[in-house]
Amino acid sequence: IDRTAPSVVSTLPTTGATIVVPIDQVRVTLRDVGAGVDGEKSTVRLAGPNGFVAGDLTFSLPAPSQAGEATLIYTLRQPFSAEGTDDGMYEIIVEPVDKAGNAMVAPLRFPFTYTTKAPGVVSSTPEDGATLNNALESVSVTLQDNSGVGLDFTPSQMTLIGPNGPVNGRLENDGVR
């Protein structure tokens, strides 16, 4: 007897991702080793800063080698804007159901961030184009978050170019996002 709800194998966008290009759909792959995924009763919704995002849900049945899996595709009625009006935190909300009627007690939530606005440089020390006569021990840059979702320092980089090319150094941040 099957008493277990389907599980989520993957989402696209992935959990915790930061997306910087417009999207027009989200995908959720479900797996159920018992009765199989009920693609008609399972639901996917997308919640964002302005409430639920309008879209249409379809599902695809698995290839024979992936029996027990189904991919739910939530196609947005309006793709995300590249102009920043849709920037913010989003959640893919999934309610999987299998053909035996098993469902989760509560919806599963998978957050991601959509942002099209790059951070800006507010100031730098020394100032851009400055000529220095003394030894330089450090360079600092103050950044501004233009997206409203915070700064991600992990992929951030800064390059100091001297008269002989790039200068080696250690990149640090104050942790303020």
Protein backbone atom coordinates (compact mmCIF):
# COMPACT_ATOMS: atom_id res chain seq x y z
CA ILE A 1 0.00 0.00 0.00
CA ASP A 2 1.36 3.40 -1.04
CA ARG A 3 1.09 6.02 1.72
CA THR A 4 3.95 8.29 0.70
CA ALA A 5 3.58 11.57 -1.18
CA PRO A 6 5.84 12.30 -4.14
CA SER A 7 9.17 14.03 -3.51
CA VAL A 8 10.72 16.94 -5.36
CA VAL A 9 13.79 15.88 -7.36
CA SER A 10 14.69 19.32 -8.72
CA THR A 11 13.47 22.82 -9.44
CA LEU A 12 14.52 25.29 -12.09
CA PRO A 13 15.46 27.90 -11.00
CA THR A 14 17.28 25.96 -8.30
CA THR A 15 16.77 26.69 -4.61
CA GLY A 16 18.71 29.77 -3.52
CA ALA A 17 19.72 30.74 -7.06
CA THR A 18 20.14 34.33 -8.18
CA ILE A 19 18.72 34.72 -11.69
CA VAL A 20 19.91 37.72 -13.72
CA VAL A 21 18.22 37.07 -17.08
CA PRO A 22 14.46 37.14 -17.69
CA ILE A 23 12.63 33.84 -17.28
CA ASP A 24 9.29 32.74 -18.68
CA GLN A 25 8.77 29.47 -16.80
CA VAL A 26 9.69 27.42 -13.75
CA ARG A 27 10.10 23.64 -13.76
CA VAL A 28 9.65 21.11 -10.99
CA THR A 29 10.52 17.43 -11.34
CA LEU A 30 8.68 15.09 -8.97
CA ARG A 31 9.31 11.43 -8.16
CA ASP A 32 6.95 8.88 -6.71
CA VAL A 33 8.09 5.27 -6.39
CA GLY A 34 4.61 3.99 -5.54
CA ALA A 35 1.49 4.85 -7.54
CA GLY A 36 3.27 7.49 -9.64
CA VAL A 37 2.94 11.26 -9.81
CA ASP A 38 -0.52 12.66 -10.52
CA GLY A 39 0.36 15.55 -12.82
CA GLU A 40 -3.24 16.76 -12.95
CA LYS A 41 -3.67 17.06 -9.16
CA SER A 42 -0.16 18.29 -8.31
CA THR A 43 0.24 22.06 -8.27
CA VAL A 44 3.03 24.57 -8.80
CA ARG A 45 2.63 28.27 -8.09
CA LEU A 46 5.09 31.14 -8.11
CA ALA A 47 4.92 33.79 -5.37
CA GLY A 48 6.85 37.04 -5.58
CA PRO A 49 7.07 40.52 -4.12
CA ASN A 50 3.68 41.46 -5.58
CA GLY A 51 1.80 38.24 -4.78
CA PHE A 52 1.26 35.23 -7.01
CA VAL A 53 2.59 35.38 -10.58
CA ALA A 54 0.01 34.42 -13.21
CA GLY A 55 0.87 31.33 -15.21
CA ASP A 56 -0.33 28.05 -16.68
CA LEU A 57 0.68 24.60 -15.47
CA THR A 58 1.42 21.66 -17.74
CA PHE A 59 3.20 18.39 -17.05
CA SER A 60 5.26 15.94 -19.02
CA LEU A 61 5.35 12.23 -18.40
CA PRO A 62 8.71 10.57 -17.91
CA ALA A 63 10.69 8.54 -20.34
CA PRO A 64 10.44 4.77 -19.63
CA SER A 65 13.89 4.88 -18.00
CA GLN A 66 12.60 7.48 -15.51
CA ALA A 67 9.40 5.75 -14.44
CA GLY A 68 7.85 7.39 -11.42
CA GLU A 69 8.97 10.90 -12.38
CA ALA A 70 7.04 13.78 -13.92
CA THR A 71 8.05 17.35 -14.72
CA LEU A 72 5.58 20.13 -13.98
CA ILE A 73 6.11 23.27 -16.07
CA TYR A 74 4.65 26.57 -14.88
CA THR A 75 4.71 28.95 -17.86
CA LEU A 76 4.39 32.61 -16.91
CA ARG A 77 1.72 34.54 -18.77
CA GLN A 78 4.14 37.48 -18.87
CA PRO A 79 7.92 36.82 -18.86
CA PHE A 80 9.92 38.62 -16.18
CA SER A 81 10.95 42.13 -17.15
CA ALA A 82 14.60 42.94 -17.88
CA GLU A 83 13.98 46.51 -16.67
CA GLY A 84 13.98 45.77 -12.93
CA THR A 85 10.25 45.97 -12.30
CA ASP A 86 10.07 42.26 -11.41
CA ASP A 87 13.25 42.15 -9.30
CA GLY A 88 12.90 40.53 -5.89
CA MET A 89 12.63 37.34 -3.90
CA TYR A 90 10.42 34.55 -5.28
CA GLU A 91 9.22 31.15 -4.08
CA ILE A 92 8.24 28.16 -6.16
CA ILE A 93 5.40 26.59 -4.16
CA VAL A 94 4.82 22.90 -4.86
CA GLU A 95 2.01 20.63 -3.73
CA PRO A 96 2.81 17.16 -5.09
CA VAL A 97 0.12 14.48 -5.22
CA ASP A 98 0.45 10.89 -6.39
CA LYS A 99 -2.12 8.70 -8.15
CA ALA A 100 -3.01 7.07 -4.81
CA GLY A 101 -4.02 10.52 -3.48
CA ASN A 102 -1.03 10.97 -1.17
CA ALA A 103 -0.09 14.62 -0.66
CA MET A 104 2.23 16.64 1.58
CA VAL A 105 0.77 18.09 4.78
CA ALA A 106 2.05 21.56 3.77
CA PRO A 107 3.27 22.97 0.46
CA LEU A 108 7.00 22.80 -0.26
CA ARG A 109 8.73 26.14 -0.89
CA PHE A 110 11.84 26.75 -2.98
CA PRO A 111 13.15 30.35 -2.90
CA PHE A 112 15.21 32.14 -5.53
CA THR A 113 16.12 35.74 -6.34
CA TYR A 114 15.54 37.58 -9.59
CA THR A 115 17.57 40.72 -10.15
CA THR A 116 18.49 42.73 -13.23
CA LYS A 117 20.06 45.74 -11.52
CA ALA A 118 23.81 45.46 -10.92
CA PRO A 119 25.34 47.07 -7.84
CA GLY A 120 26.82 50.51 -8.34
CA VAL A 121 30.06 52.06 -7.11
CA VAL A 122 29.31 54.93 -4.72
CA SER A 123 32.92 55.86 -3.96
CA SER A 124 36.46 54.54 -4.01
CA THR A 125 39.67 55.36 -2.16
CA PRO A 126 41.84 56.40 -3.83
CA GLU A 127 39.46 58.11 -6.23
CA ASP A 128 39.23 56.90 -9.82
CA GLY A 129 42.09 58.38 -11.90
CA ALA A 130 44.06 59.61 -8.86
CA THR A 131 47.86 59.94 -9.12
CA LEU A 132 49.70 58.69 -6.03
CA ASN A 133 53.14 59.70 -4.83
CA ASN A 134 53.18 57.46 -1.73
CA ALA A 135 53.02 53.70 -1.27
CA LEU A 136 49.52 52.29 -1.58
CA GLU A 137 48.59 49.78 1.13
CA SER A 138 44.88 49.38 0.49
CA VAL A 139 42.05 50.29 -1.84
CA SER A 140 38.43 50.52 -0.75
CA VAL A 141 35.20 50.67 -2.70
CA THR A 142 31.73 51.43 -1.38
CA LEU A 143 28.99 49.64 -3.31
CA GLN A 144 25.28 50.32 -3.50
CA ASP A 145 22.68 47.59 -3.87
CA ASN A 146 20.46 48.76 -6.73
CA SER A 147 18.27 45.63 -6.74
CA GLY A 148 16.86 45.65 -3.23
CA VAL A 149 17.84 42.02 -2.66
CA GLY A 150 21.32 42.56 -1.19
CA LEU A 151 24.88 42.15 -2.39
CA ASP A 152 26.44 38.74 -3.03
CA PHE A 153 30.15 39.00 -2.30
CA THR A 154 30.98 35.45 -3.39
CA PRO A 155 31.16 36.16 -7.15
CA SER A 156 32.25 39.79 -6.67
CA GLN A 157 35.70 40.84 -7.73
CA MET A 158 37.87 43.94 -7.94
CA THR A 159 41.02 44.38 -10.00
CA LEU A 160 43.69 46.98 -9.32
CA ILE A 161 45.75 47.78 -12.40
CA GLY A 162 49.22 49.23 -11.83
CA PRO A 163 51.78 50.45 -14.38
CA ASN A 164 52.95 46.84 -14.88
CA GLY A 165 49.50 45.25 -15.02
CA PRO A 166 47.21 43.72 -12.38
CA VAL A 167 48.36 44.02 -8.75
CA ASN A 168 48.00 40.99 -6.47
CA GLY A 169 46.11 41.48 -3.22
CA ARG A 170 43.49 40.11 -0.89
CA LEU A 171 39.81 40.97 -1.33
CA GLU A 172 37.84 41.54 1.89
CA ASN A 173 34.41 42.90 2.68
CA ASP A 174 32.71 44.25 5.77
CA GLY A 175 29.88 41.75 5.44
CA VAL A 176 27.18 44.38 5.04
CA ARG A 177 24.90 43.29 2.25
